[in-house]
Amino acid sequence: MSVATTQPSTSSANADIATRILTRLLRSFAGSADLQLWDERSLSVGQAPPAFTLVLRDPKLLRSLVTARGPVLLADAYFRGQIDIEGDLYSALALKGYFE
């Protein structure tokens, strides 16, 4: 898996931690995606052009996804506007197993 990151000049410690967590969680992800954090930092996962972008709008959400783990959390976060999916929704559903 290839991981590339870009950072704006005003990066936060929380975003640094989130980048490390997501890189570790998704190291075996067979697909290809971009992840955009709340501070607009981006993380690319996979070798091919990304099928979707997962936008994380709330740093607390990542903590919940890692500690509580469960598919209901992802759905709830989507309906609350804490995450968004830009692109192929069906490809994004493959991430579900990484947060269960």
PDB file of N, CA and C in Angstrom:
ATOM      1  N   MET A   1       0.835  -1.168   0.000  1.00  0.00           N
ATOM      2  CA  MET A   1       0.000   0.000   0.000  1.00  0.00           C
ATOM      3  C   MET A   1       0.879   1.229   0.000  1.00  0.00           C
ATOM      4  N   SER A   2       0.541   2.176  -0.818  1.00  0.00           N
ATOM      5  CA  SER A   2       1.243   3.440  -0.878  1.00  0.00           C
ATOM      6  C   SER A   2       0.463   4.475  -0.083  1.00  0.00           C
ATOM      7  N   VAL A   3       1.142   5.260   0.729  1.00  0.00           N
ATOM      8  CA  VAL A   3       0.487   6.300   1.507  1.00  0.00           C
ATOM      9  C   VAL A   3       1.217   7.598   1.255  1.00  0.00           C
ATOM     10  N   ALA A   4       0.476   8.617   0.807  1.00  0.00           N
ATOM     11  CA  ALA A   4       1.054   9.936   0.599  1.00  0.00           C
ATOM     12  C   ALA A   4       0.223  10.947   1.356  1.00  0.00           C
ATOM     13  N   THR A   5       0.872  11.910   1.973  1.00  0.00           N
ATOM     14  CA  THR A   5       0.142  12.934   2.708  1.00  0.00           C
ATOM     15  C   THR A   5       0.531  14.311   2.227  1.00  0.00           C
ATOM     16  N   THR A   6      -0.414  15.225   2.324  1.00  0.00           N
ATOM     17  CA  THR A   6      -0.126  16.632   2.104  1.00  0.00           C
ATOM     18  C   THR A   6      -0.633  17.374   3.314  1.00  0.00           C
ATOM     19  N   GLN A   7       0.082  18.414   3.712  1.00  0.00           N
ATOM     20  CA  GLN A   7      -0.264  19.133   4.922  1.00  0.00           C
ATOM     21  C   GLN A   7      -0.309  20.631   4.660  1.00  0.00           C
ATOM     22  N   PRO A   8      -1.348  21.314   5.146  1.00  0.00           N
ATOM     23  CA  PRO A   8      -1.321  22.757   5.106  1.00  0.00           C
ATOM     24  C   PRO A   8      -0.351  23.261   6.169  1.00  0.00           C
ATOM     25  N   SER A   9       0.037  24.515   6.088  1.00  0.00           N
ATOM     26  CA  SER A   9       1.031  25.039   7.021  1.00  0.00           C
ATOM     27  C   SER A   9       0.526  25.083   8.462  1.00  0.00           C
ATOM     28  N   THR A  10      -0.770  25.102   8.683  1.00  0.00           N
ATOM     29  CA  THR A  10      -1.330  25.155  10.036  1.00  0.00           C
ATOM     30  C   THR A  10      -1.854  23.790  10.446  1.00  0.00           C
ATOM     31  N   SER A  11      -0.963  22.829  10.584  1.00  0.00           N
ATOM     32  CA  SER A  11      -1.388  21.480  10.980  1.00  0.00           C
ATOM     33  C   SER A  11      -1.477  21.398  12.490  1.00  0.00           C
ATOM     34  N   SER A  12      -2.388  20.560  12.969  1.00  0.00           N
ATOM     35  CA  SER A  12      -2.586  20.399  14.406  1.00  0.00           C
ATOM     36  C   SER A  12      -2.036  19.063  14.873  1.00  0.00           C
ATOM     37  N   ALA A  13      -1.768  18.982  16.167  1.00  0.00           N
ATOM     38  CA  ALA A  13      -1.280  17.717  16.741  1.00  0.00           C
ATOM     39  C   ALA A  13      -2.320  16.618  16.560  1.00  0.00           C
ATOM     40  N   ASN A  14      -3.605  16.945  16.688  1.00  0.00           N
ATOM     41  CA  ASN A  14      -4.656  15.943  16.518  1.00  0.00           C
ATOM     42  C   ASN A  14      -4.648  15.368  15.106  1.00  0.00           C
ATOM     43  N   ALA A  15      -4.417  16.206  14.129  1.00  0.00           N
ATOM     44  CA  ALA A  15      -4.382  15.730  12.746  1.00  0.00           C
ATOM     45  C   ALA A  15      -3.165  14.849  12.509  1.00  0.00           C
ATOM     46  N   ASP A  16      -2.032  15.158  13.158  1.00  0.00           N
ATOM     47  CA  ASP A  16      -0.848  14.304  13.051  1.00  0.00           C
ATOM     48  C   ASP A  16      -1.147  12.910  13.592  1.00  0.00           C
ATOM     49  N   ILE A  17      -1.778  12.867  14.739  1.00  0.00           N
ATOM     50  CA  ILE A  17      -2.131  11.590  15.365  1.00  0.00           C
ATOM     51  C   ILE A  17      -3.130  10.843  14.487  1.00  0.00           C
ATOM     52  N   ALA A  18      -4.122  11.561  13.980  1.00  0.00           N
ATOM     53  CA  ALA A  18      -5.133  10.936  13.124  1.00  0.00           C
ATOM     54  C   ALA A  18      -4.511  10.340  11.869  1.00  0.00           C
ATOM     55  N   THR A  19      -3.553  11.028  11.294  1.00  0.00           N
ATOM     56  CA  THR A  19      -2.882  10.519  10.104  1.00  0.00           C
ATOM     57  C   THR A  19      -2.158   9.208  10.405  1.00  0.00           C
ATOM     58  N   ARG A  20      -1.470   9.159  11.532  1.00  0.00           N
ATOM     59  CA  ARG A  20      -0.777   7.918  11.916  1.00  0.00           C
ATOM     60  C   ARG A  20      -1.769   6.784  12.176  1.00  0.00           C
ATOM     61  N   ILE A  21      -2.868   7.091  12.855  1.00  0.00           N
ATOM     62  CA  ILE A  21      -3.883   6.074  13.153  1.00  0.00           C
ATOM     63  C   ILE A  21      -4.496   5.539  11.859  1.00  0.00           C
ATOM     64  N   LEU A  22      -4.896   6.434  10.974  1.00  0.00           N
ATOM     65  CA  LEU A  22      -5.527   6.003   9.722  1.00  0.00           C
ATOM     66  C   LEU A  22      -4.556   5.223   8.846  1.00  0.00           C
ATOM     67  N   THR A  23      -3.313   5.631   8.813  1.00  0.00           N
ATOM     68  CA  THR A  23      -2.311   4.900   8.037  1.00  0.00           C
ATOM     69  C   THR A  23      -2.175   3.476   8.555  1.00  0.00           C
ATOM     70  N   ARG A  24      -2.157   3.337   9.861  1.00  0.00           N
ATOM     71  CA  ARG A  24      -2.031   1.999  10.452  1.00  0.00           C
ATOM     72  C   ARG A  24      -3.298   1.171  10.231  1.00  0.00           C
ATOM     73  N   LEU A  25      -4.471   1.775  10.455  1.00  0.00           N
ATOM     74  CA  LEU A  25      -5.736   1.052  10.284  1.00  0.00           C
ATOM     75  C   LEU A  25      -5.934   0.561   8.856  1.00  0.00           C
ATOM     76  N   LEU A  26      -5.536   1.373   7.903  1.00  0.00           N
ATOM     77  CA  LEU A  26      -5.839   1.076   6.503  1.00  0.00           C
ATOM     78  C   LEU A  26      -4.654   0.513   5.736  1.00  0.00           C
ATOM     79  N   ARG A  27      -3.629   0.057   6.432  1.00  0.00           N
ATOM     80  CA  ARG A  27      -2.424  -0.432   5.749  1.00  0.00           C
ATOM     81  C   ARG A  27      -2.705  -1.630   4.841  1.00  0.00           C
ATOM     82  N   SER A  28      -3.727  -2.413   5.120  1.00  0.00           N
ATOM     83  CA  SER A  28      -4.031  -3.562   4.272  1.00  0.00           C
ATOM     84  C   SER A  28      -5.257  -3.328   3.374  1.00  0.00           C
ATOM     85  N   PHE A  29      -5.717  -2.095   3.290  1.00  0.00           N
ATOM     86  CA  PHE A  29      -6.867  -1.766   2.447  1.00  0.00           C
ATOM     87  C   PHE A  29      -6.513  -2.037   0.984  1.00  0.00           C
ATOM     88  N   ALA A  30      -7.301  -2.877   0.337  1.00  0.00           N
ATOM     89  CA  ALA A  30      -7.006  -3.300  -1.036  1.00  0.00           C
ATOM     90  C   ALA A  30      -7.430  -2.263  -2.067  1.00  0.00           C
ATOM     91  N   GLY A  31      -8.297  -1.344  -1.682  1.00  0.00           N
ATOM     92  CA  GLY A  31      -8.781  -0.342  -2.611  1.00  0.00           C
ATOM     93  C   GLY A  31      -7.868   0.865  -2.676  1.00  0.00           C
ATOM     94  N   SER A  32      -8.424   1.947  -3.165  1.00  0.00           N
ATOM     95  CA  SER A  32      -7.683   3.189  -3.281  1.00  0.00           C
ATOM     96  C   SER A  32      -8.619   4.333  -2.913  1.00  0.00           C
ATOM     97  N   ALA A  33      -8.162   5.199  -2.009  1.00  0.00           N
ATOM     98  CA  ALA A  33      -9.027   6.277  -1.534  1.00  0.00           C
ATOM     99  C   ALA A  33      -8.200   7.468  -1.081  1.00  0.00           C
ATOM    100  N   ASP A  34      -8.859   8.596  -1.016  1.00  0.00           N
ATOM    101  CA  ASP A  34      -8.303   9.778  -0.368  1.00  0.00           C
ATOM    102  C   ASP A  34      -9.103  10.008   0.898  1.00  0.00           C
ATOM    103  N   LEU A  35      -8.429  10.419   1.939  1.00  0.00           N
ATOM    104  CA  LEU A  35      -9.078  10.778   3.196  1.00  0.00           C
ATOM    105  C   LEU A  35      -8.743  12.233   3.465  1.00  0.00           C
ATOM    106  N   GLN A  36      -9.750  13.013   3.769  1.00  0.00           N
ATOM    107  CA  GLN A  36      -9.525  14.421   4.070  1.00  0.00           C
ATOM    108  C   GLN A  36      -9.926  14.667   5.513  1.00  0.00           C
ATOM    109  N   LEU A  37      -9.001  15.214   6.298  1.00  0.00           N
ATOM    110  CA  LEU A  37      -9.256  15.490   7.705  1.00  0.00           C
ATOM    111  C   LEU A  37      -9.871  16.872   7.875  1.00  0.00           C
ATOM    112  N   TRP A  38     -10.359  17.125   9.071  1.00  0.00           N
ATOM    113  CA  TRP A  38     -11.041  18.361   9.439  1.00  0.00           C
ATOM    114  C   TRP A  38     -10.178  19.600   9.209  1.00  0.00           C
ATOM    115  N   ASP A  39      -8.865  19.464   9.199  1.00  0.00           N
ATOM    116  CA  ASP A  39      -7.992  20.618   8.974  1.00  0.00           C
ATOM    117  C   ASP A  39      -7.537  20.703   7.516  1.00  0.00           C
ATOM    118  N   GLU A  40      -8.212  19.955   6.652  1.00  0.00           N
ATOM    119  CA  GLU A  40      -7.979  19.889   5.210  1.00  0.00           C
ATOM    120  C   GLU A  40      -6.708  19.145   4.837  1.00  0.00           C
ATOM    121  N   ARG A  41      -6.070  18.499   5.787  1.00  0.00           N
ATOM    122  CA  ARG A  41      -4.949  17.614   5.483  1.00  0.00           C
ATOM    123  C   ARG A  41      -5.510  16.412   4.737  1.00  0.00           C
ATOM    124  N   SER A  42      -4.768  15.907   3.771  1.00  0.00           N
ATOM    125  CA  SER A  42      -5.250  14.751   3.021  1.00  0.00           C
ATOM    126  C   SER A  42      -4.273  13.600   3.121  1.00  0.00           C
ATOM    127  N   LEU A  43      -4.824  12.416   2.994  1.00  0.00           N
ATOM    128  CA  LEU A  43      -4.073  11.171   3.081  1.00  0.00           C
ATOM    129  C   LEU A  43      -4.561  10.288   1.946  1.00  0.00           C
ATOM    130  N   SER A  44      -3.639   9.791   1.131  1.00  0.00           N
ATOM    131  CA  SER A  44      -3.995   8.892   0.022  1.00  0.00           C
ATOM    132  C   SER A  44      -3.616   7.478   0.392  1.00  0.00           C
ATOM    133  N   VAL A  45      -4.516   6.550   0.122  1.00  0.00           N
ATOM    134  CA  VAL A  45      -4.312   5.147   0.441  1.00  0.00           C
ATOM    135  C   VAL A  45      -4.507   4.339  -0.831  1.00  0.00           C
ATOM    136  N   GLY A  46      -3.570   3.458  -1.125  1.00  0.00           N
ATOM    137  CA  GLY A  46      -3.690   2.596  -2.298  1.00  0.00           C
ATOM    138  C   GLY A  46      -2.815   3.054  -3.443  1.00  0.00           C
ATOM    139  N   GLN A  47      -2.783   2.239  -4.478  1.00  0.00           N
ATOM    140  CA  GLN A  47      -1.914   2.477  -5.630  1.00  0.00           C
ATOM    141  C   GLN A  47      -2.626   3.160  -6.797  1.00  0.00           C
ATOM    142  N   ALA A  48      -3.888   2.861  -6.987  1.00  0.00           N
ATOM    143  CA  ALA A  48      -4.637   3.364  -8.144  1.00  0.00           C
ATOM    144  C   ALA A  48      -5.213   4.747  -7.849  1.00  0.00           C
ATOM    145  N   PRO A  49      -5.737   5.401  -8.885  1.00  0.00           N
ATOM    146  CA  PRO A  49      -6.447   6.662  -8.624  1.00  0.00           C
ATOM    147  C   PRO A  49      -7.602   6.392  -7.649  1.00  0.00           C
ATOM    148  N   PRO A  50      -7.862   7.299  -6.725  1.00  0.00           N
ATOM    149  CA  PRO A  50      -8.879   7.050  -5.695  1.00  0.00           C
ATOM    150  C   PRO A  50     -10.286   6.951  -6.279  1.00  0.00           C
ATOM    151  N   ALA A  51     -11.034   5.975  -5.777  1.00  0.00           N
ATOM    152  CA  ALA A  51     -12.423   5.797  -6.188  1.00  0.00           C
ATOM    153  C   ALA A  51     -13.349   6.743  -5.416  1.00  0.00           C
ATOM    154  N   PHE A  52     -12.870   7.202  -4.261  1.00  0.00           N
ATOM    155  CA  PHE A  52     -13.687   8.084  -3.430  1.00  0.00           C
ATOM    156  C   PHE A  52     -12.791   8.864  -2.468  1.00  0.00           C
ATOM    157  N   THR A  53     -13.384   9.895  -1.881  1.00  0.00           N
ATOM    158  CA  THR A  53     -12.745  10.650  -0.814  1.00  0.00           C
ATOM    159  C   THR A  53     -13.641  10.569   0.403  1.00  0.00           C
ATOM    160  N   LEU A  54     -13.075  10.153   1.514  1.00  0.00           N
ATOM    161  CA  LEU A  54     -13.799  10.132   2.785  1.00  0.00           C
ATOM    162  C   LEU A  54     -13.389  11.401   3.529  1.00  0.00           C
ATOM    163  N   VAL A  55     -14.357  12.243   3.810  1.00  0.00           N
ATOM    164  CA  VAL A  55     -14.096  13.521   4.473  1.00  0.00           C
ATOM    165  C   VAL A  55     -14.495  13.386   5.942  1.00  0.00           C
ATOM    166  N   LEU A  56     -13.506  13.480   6.831  1.00  0.00           N
ATOM    167  CA  LEU A  56     -13.753  13.440   8.281  1.00  0.00           C
ATOM    168  C   LEU A  56     -13.832  14.880   8.769  1.00  0.00           C
ATOM    169  N   ARG A  57     -14.991  15.282   9.243  1.00  0.00           N
ATOM    170  CA  ARG A  57     -15.204  16.668   9.655  1.00  0.00           C
ATOM    171  C   ARG A  57     -15.004  16.914  11.151  1.00  0.00           C
ATOM    172  N   ASP A  58     -14.908  15.850  11.935  1.00  0.00           N
ATOM    173  CA  ASP A  58     -14.857  15.993  13.393  1.00  0.00           C
ATOM    174  C   ASP A  58     -13.754  15.102  13.968  1.00  0.00           C
ATOM    175  N   PRO A  59     -12.760  15.681  14.652  1.00  0.00           N
ATOM    176  CA  PRO A  59     -11.684  14.860  15.204  1.00  0.00           C
ATOM    177  C   PRO A  59     -12.161  13.868  16.273  1.00  0.00           C
ATOM    178  N   LYS A  60     -13.245  14.191  16.964  1.00  0.00           N
ATOM    179  CA  LYS A  60     -13.776  13.280  17.980  1.00  0.00           C
ATOM    180  C   LYS A  60     -14.320  12.001  17.365  1.00  0.00           C
ATOM    181  N   LEU A  61     -14.770  12.088  16.134  1.00  0.00           N
ATOM    182  CA  LEU A  61     -15.321  10.922  15.452  1.00  0.00           C
ATOM    183  C   LEU A  61     -14.274   9.832  15.285  1.00  0.00           C
ATOM    184  N   LEU A  62     -13.075  10.193  14.890  1.00  0.00           N
ATOM    185  CA  LEU A  62     -12.034   9.178  14.707  1.00  0.00           C
ATOM    186  C   LEU A  62     -11.769   8.448  16.013  1.00  0.00           C
ATOM    187  N   ARG A  63     -11.717   9.172  17.110  1.00  0.00           N
ATOM    188  CA  ARG A  63     -11.514   8.541  18.424  1.00  0.00           C
ATOM    189  C   ARG A  63     -12.624   7.546  18.702  1.00  0.00           C
ATOM    190  N   SER A  64     -13.861   7.919  18.436  1.00  0.00           N
ATOM    191  CA  SER A  64     -14.995   7.024  18.656  1.00  0.00           C
ATOM    192  C   SER A  64     -14.924   5.786  17.763  1.00  0.00           C
ATOM    193  N   LEU A  65     -14.552   5.988  16.501  1.00  0.00           N
ATOM    194  CA  LEU A  65     -14.473   4.870  15.563  1.00  0.00           C
ATOM    195  C   LEU A  65     -13.409   3.866  15.977  1.00  0.00           C
ATOM    196  N   VAL A  66     -12.324   4.357  16.557  1.00  0.00           N
ATOM    197  CA  VAL A  66     -11.230   3.474  16.955  1.00  0.00           C
ATOM    198  C   VAL A  66     -11.518   2.791  18.286  1.00  0.00           C
ATOM    199  N   THR A  67     -12.096   3.515  19.236  1.00  0.00           N
ATOM    200  CA  THR A  67     -12.307   2.940  20.568  1.00  0.00           C
ATOM    201  C   THR A  67     -13.603   2.143  20.678  1.00  0.00           C
ATOM    202  N   ALA A  68     -14.690   2.624  20.098  1.00  0.00           N
ATOM    203  CA  ALA A  68     -15.977   1.944  20.237  1.00  0.00           C
ATOM    204  C   ALA A  68     -16.208   0.931  19.118  1.00  0.00           C
ATOM    205  N   ARG A  69     -15.697   1.190  17.953  1.00  0.00           N
ATOM    206  CA  ARG A  69     -15.782   0.322  16.784  1.00  0.00           C
ATOM    207  C   ARG A  69     -17.172  -0.290  16.581  1.00  0.00           C
ATOM    208  N   GLY A  70     -17.714  -0.032  15.432  1.00  0.00           N
ATOM    209  CA  GLY A  70     -18.994  -0.619  15.077  1.00  0.00           C
ATOM    210  C   GLY A  70     -19.570   0.050  13.843  1.00  0.00           C
ATOM    211  N   PRO A  71     -20.281  -0.709  13.021  1.00  0.00           N
ATOM    212  CA  PRO A  71     -20.813  -0.164  11.774  1.00  0.00           C
ATOM    213  C   PRO A  71     -21.876   0.905  11.998  1.00  0.00           C
ATOM    214  N   VAL A  72     -22.559   0.878  13.121  1.00  0.00           N
ATOM    215  CA  VAL A  72     -23.597   1.874  13.389  1.00  0.00           C
ATOM    216  C   VAL A  72     -22.973   3.263  13.554  1.00  0.00           C
ATOM    217  N   LEU A  73     -21.768   3.319  14.106  1.00  0.00           N
ATOM    218  CA  LEU A  73     -21.088   4.598  14.283  1.00  0.00           C
ATOM    219  C   LEU A  73     -20.840   5.301  12.952  1.00  0.00           C
ATOM    220  N   LEU A  74     -20.430   4.556  11.948  1.00  0.00           N
ATOM    221  CA  LEU A  74     -20.202   5.149  10.629  1.00  0.00           C
ATOM    222  C   LEU A  74     -21.492   5.707  10.039  1.00  0.00           C
ATOM    223  N   ALA A  75     -22.549   4.932  10.102  1.00  0.00           N
ATOM    224  CA  ALA A  75     -23.835   5.386   9.565  1.00  0.00           C
ATOM    225  C   ALA A  75     -24.333   6.610  10.327  1.00  0.00           C
ATOM    226  N   ASP A  76     -24.249   6.580  11.643  1.00  0.00           N
ATOM    227  CA  ASP A  76     -24.677   7.703  12.472  1.00  0.00           C
ATOM    228  C   ASP A  76     -23.863   8.958  12.153  1.00  0.00           C
ATOM    229  N   ALA A  77     -22.552   8.793  12.005  1.00  0.00           N
ATOM    230  CA  ALA A  77     -21.681   9.932  11.695  1.00  0.00           C
ATOM    231  C   ALA A  77     -22.040  10.534  10.336  1.00  0.00           C
ATOM    232  N   TYR A  78     -22.390   9.700   9.379  1.00  0.00           N
ATOM    233  CA  TYR A  78     -22.785  10.182   8.065  1.00  0.00           C
ATOM    234  C   TYR A  78     -24.062  11.026   8.160  1.00  0.00           C
ATOM    235  N   PHE A  79     -25.046  10.516   8.885  1.00  0.00           N
ATOM    236  CA  PHE A  79     -26.311  11.242   9.009  1.00  0.00           C
ATOM    237  C   PHE A  79     -26.170  12.520   9.823  1.00  0.00           C
ATOM    238  N   ARG A  80     -25.206  12.571  10.729  1.00  0.00           N
ATOM    239  CA  ARG A  80     -24.962  13.780  11.531  1.00  0.00           C
ATOM    240  C   ARG A  80     -24.068  14.791  10.809  1.00  0.00           C
ATOM    241  N   GLY A  81     -23.542  14.425   9.657  1.00  0.00           N
ATOM    242  CA  GLY A  81     -22.678  15.322   8.905  1.00  0.00           C
ATOM    243  C   GLY A  81     -21.233  15.354   9.404  1.00  0.00           C
ATOM    244  N   GLN A  82     -20.846  14.358  10.211  1.00  0.00           N
ATOM    245  CA  GLN A  82     -19.477  14.295  10.711  1.00  0.00           C
ATOM    246  C   GLN A  82     -18.523  13.712   9.681  1.00  0.00           C
ATOM    247  N   ILE A  83     -19.063  12.926   8.754  1.00  0.00           N
ATOM    248  CA  ILE A  83     -18.269  12.425   7.631  1.00  0.00           C
ATOM    249  C   ILE A  83     -19.079  12.614   6.357  1.00  0.00           C
ATOM    250  N   ASP A  84     -18.367  12.628   5.253  1.00  0.00           N
ATOM    251  CA  ASP A  84     -19.012  12.700   3.951  1.00  0.00           C
ATOM    252  C   ASP A  84     -18.222  11.809   2.999  1.00  0.00           C
ATOM    253  N   ILE A  85     -18.874  11.340   1.985  1.00  0.00           N
ATOM    254  CA  ILE A  85     -18.237  10.502   0.977  1.00  0.00           C
ATOM    255  C   ILE A  85     -18.422  11.186  -0.369  1.00  0.00           C
ATOM    256  N   GLU A  86     -17.308  11.479  -1.003  1.00  0.00           N
ATOM    257  CA  GLU A  86     -17.326  12.086  -2.333  1.00  0.00           C
ATOM    258  C   GLU A  86     -16.811  11.043  -3.309  1.00  0.00           C
ATOM    259  N   GLY A  87     -17.635  10.665  -4.250  1.00  0.00           N
ATOM    260  CA  GLY A  87     -17.230   9.644  -5.215  1.00  0.00           C
ATOM    261  C   GLY A  87     -18.058   8.384  -5.079  1.00  0.00           C
ATOM    262  N   ASP A  88     -17.444   7.256  -5.330  1.00  0.00           N
ATOM    263  CA  ASP A  88     -18.117   5.961  -5.388  1.00  0.00           C
ATOM    264  C   ASP A  88     -18.481   5.443  -3.991  1.00  0.00           C
ATOM    265  N   LEU A  89     -19.753   5.547  -3.638  1.00  0.00           N
ATOM    266  CA  LEU A  89     -20.237   5.116  -2.330  1.00  0.00           C
ATOM    267  C   LEU A  89     -19.988   3.630  -2.103  1.00  0.00           C
ATOM    268  N   TYR A  90     -20.187   2.808  -3.127  1.00  0.00           N
ATOM    269  CA  TYR A  90     -20.005   1.368  -2.965  1.00  0.00           C
ATOM    270  C   TYR A  90     -18.549   1.013  -2.663  1.00  0.00           C
ATOM    271  N   SER A  91     -17.622   1.705  -3.263  1.00  0.00           N
ATOM    272  CA  SER A  91     -16.206   1.486  -2.942  1.00  0.00           C
ATOM    273  C   SER A  91     -15.907   1.925  -1.514  1.00  0.00           C
ATOM    274  N   ALA A  92     -16.532   2.997  -1.074  1.00  0.00           N
ATOM    275  CA  ALA A  92     -16.320   3.492   0.293  1.00  0.00           C
ATOM    276  C   ALA A  92     -16.842   2.507   1.334  1.00  0.00           C
ATOM    277  N   LEU A  93     -17.879   1.757   0.993  1.00  0.00           N
ATOM    278  CA  LEU A  93     -18.422   0.778   1.935  1.00  0.00           C
ATOM    279  C   LEU A  93     -17.404  -0.302   2.296  1.00  0.00           C
ATOM    280  N   ALA A  94     -16.388  -0.480   1.477  1.00  0.00           N
ATOM    281  CA  ALA A  94     -15.343  -1.460   1.772  1.00  0.00           C
ATOM    282  C   ALA A  94     -14.542  -1.064   3.009  1.00  0.00           C
ATOM    283  N   LEU A  95     -14.590   0.199   3.413  1.00  0.00           N
ATOM    284  CA  LEU A  95     -13.895   0.653   4.616  1.00  0.00           C
ATOM    285  C   LEU A  95     -14.574   0.184   5.888  1.00  0.00           C
ATOM    286  N   LYS A  96     -15.827  -0.191   5.789  1.00  0.00           N
ATOM    287  CA  LYS A  96     -16.598  -0.565   6.971  1.00  0.00           C
ATOM    288  C   LYS A  96     -15.884  -1.592   7.828  1.00  0.00           C
ATOM    289  N   GLY A  97     -15.303  -2.578   7.225  1.00  0.00           N
ATOM    290  CA  GLY A  97     -14.617  -3.634   7.965  1.00  0.00           C
ATOM    291  C   GLY A  97     -13.403  -3.163   8.750  1.00  0.00           C
ATOM    292  N   TYR A  98     -12.852  -2.030   8.397  1.00  0.00           N
ATOM    293  CA  TYR A  98     -11.677  -1.514   9.086  1.00  0.00           C
ATOM    294  C   TYR A  98     -12.041  -0.756  10.368  1.00  0.00           C
ATOM    295  N   PHE A  99     -13.321  -0.449  10.525  1.00  0.00           N
ATOM    296  CA  PHE A  99     -13.773   0.298  11.699  1.00  0.00           C
ATOM    297  C   PHE A  99     -14.739  -0.508  12.560  1.00  0.00           C
ATOM    298  N   GLU A 100     -14.803  -1.827  12.330  1.00  0.00           N
ATOM    299  CA  GLU A 100     -15.672  -2.696  13.126  1.00  0.00           C
ATOM    300  C   GLU A 100     -14.874  -3.383  14.207  1.00  0.00           C
TER     301      GLU A 100
END
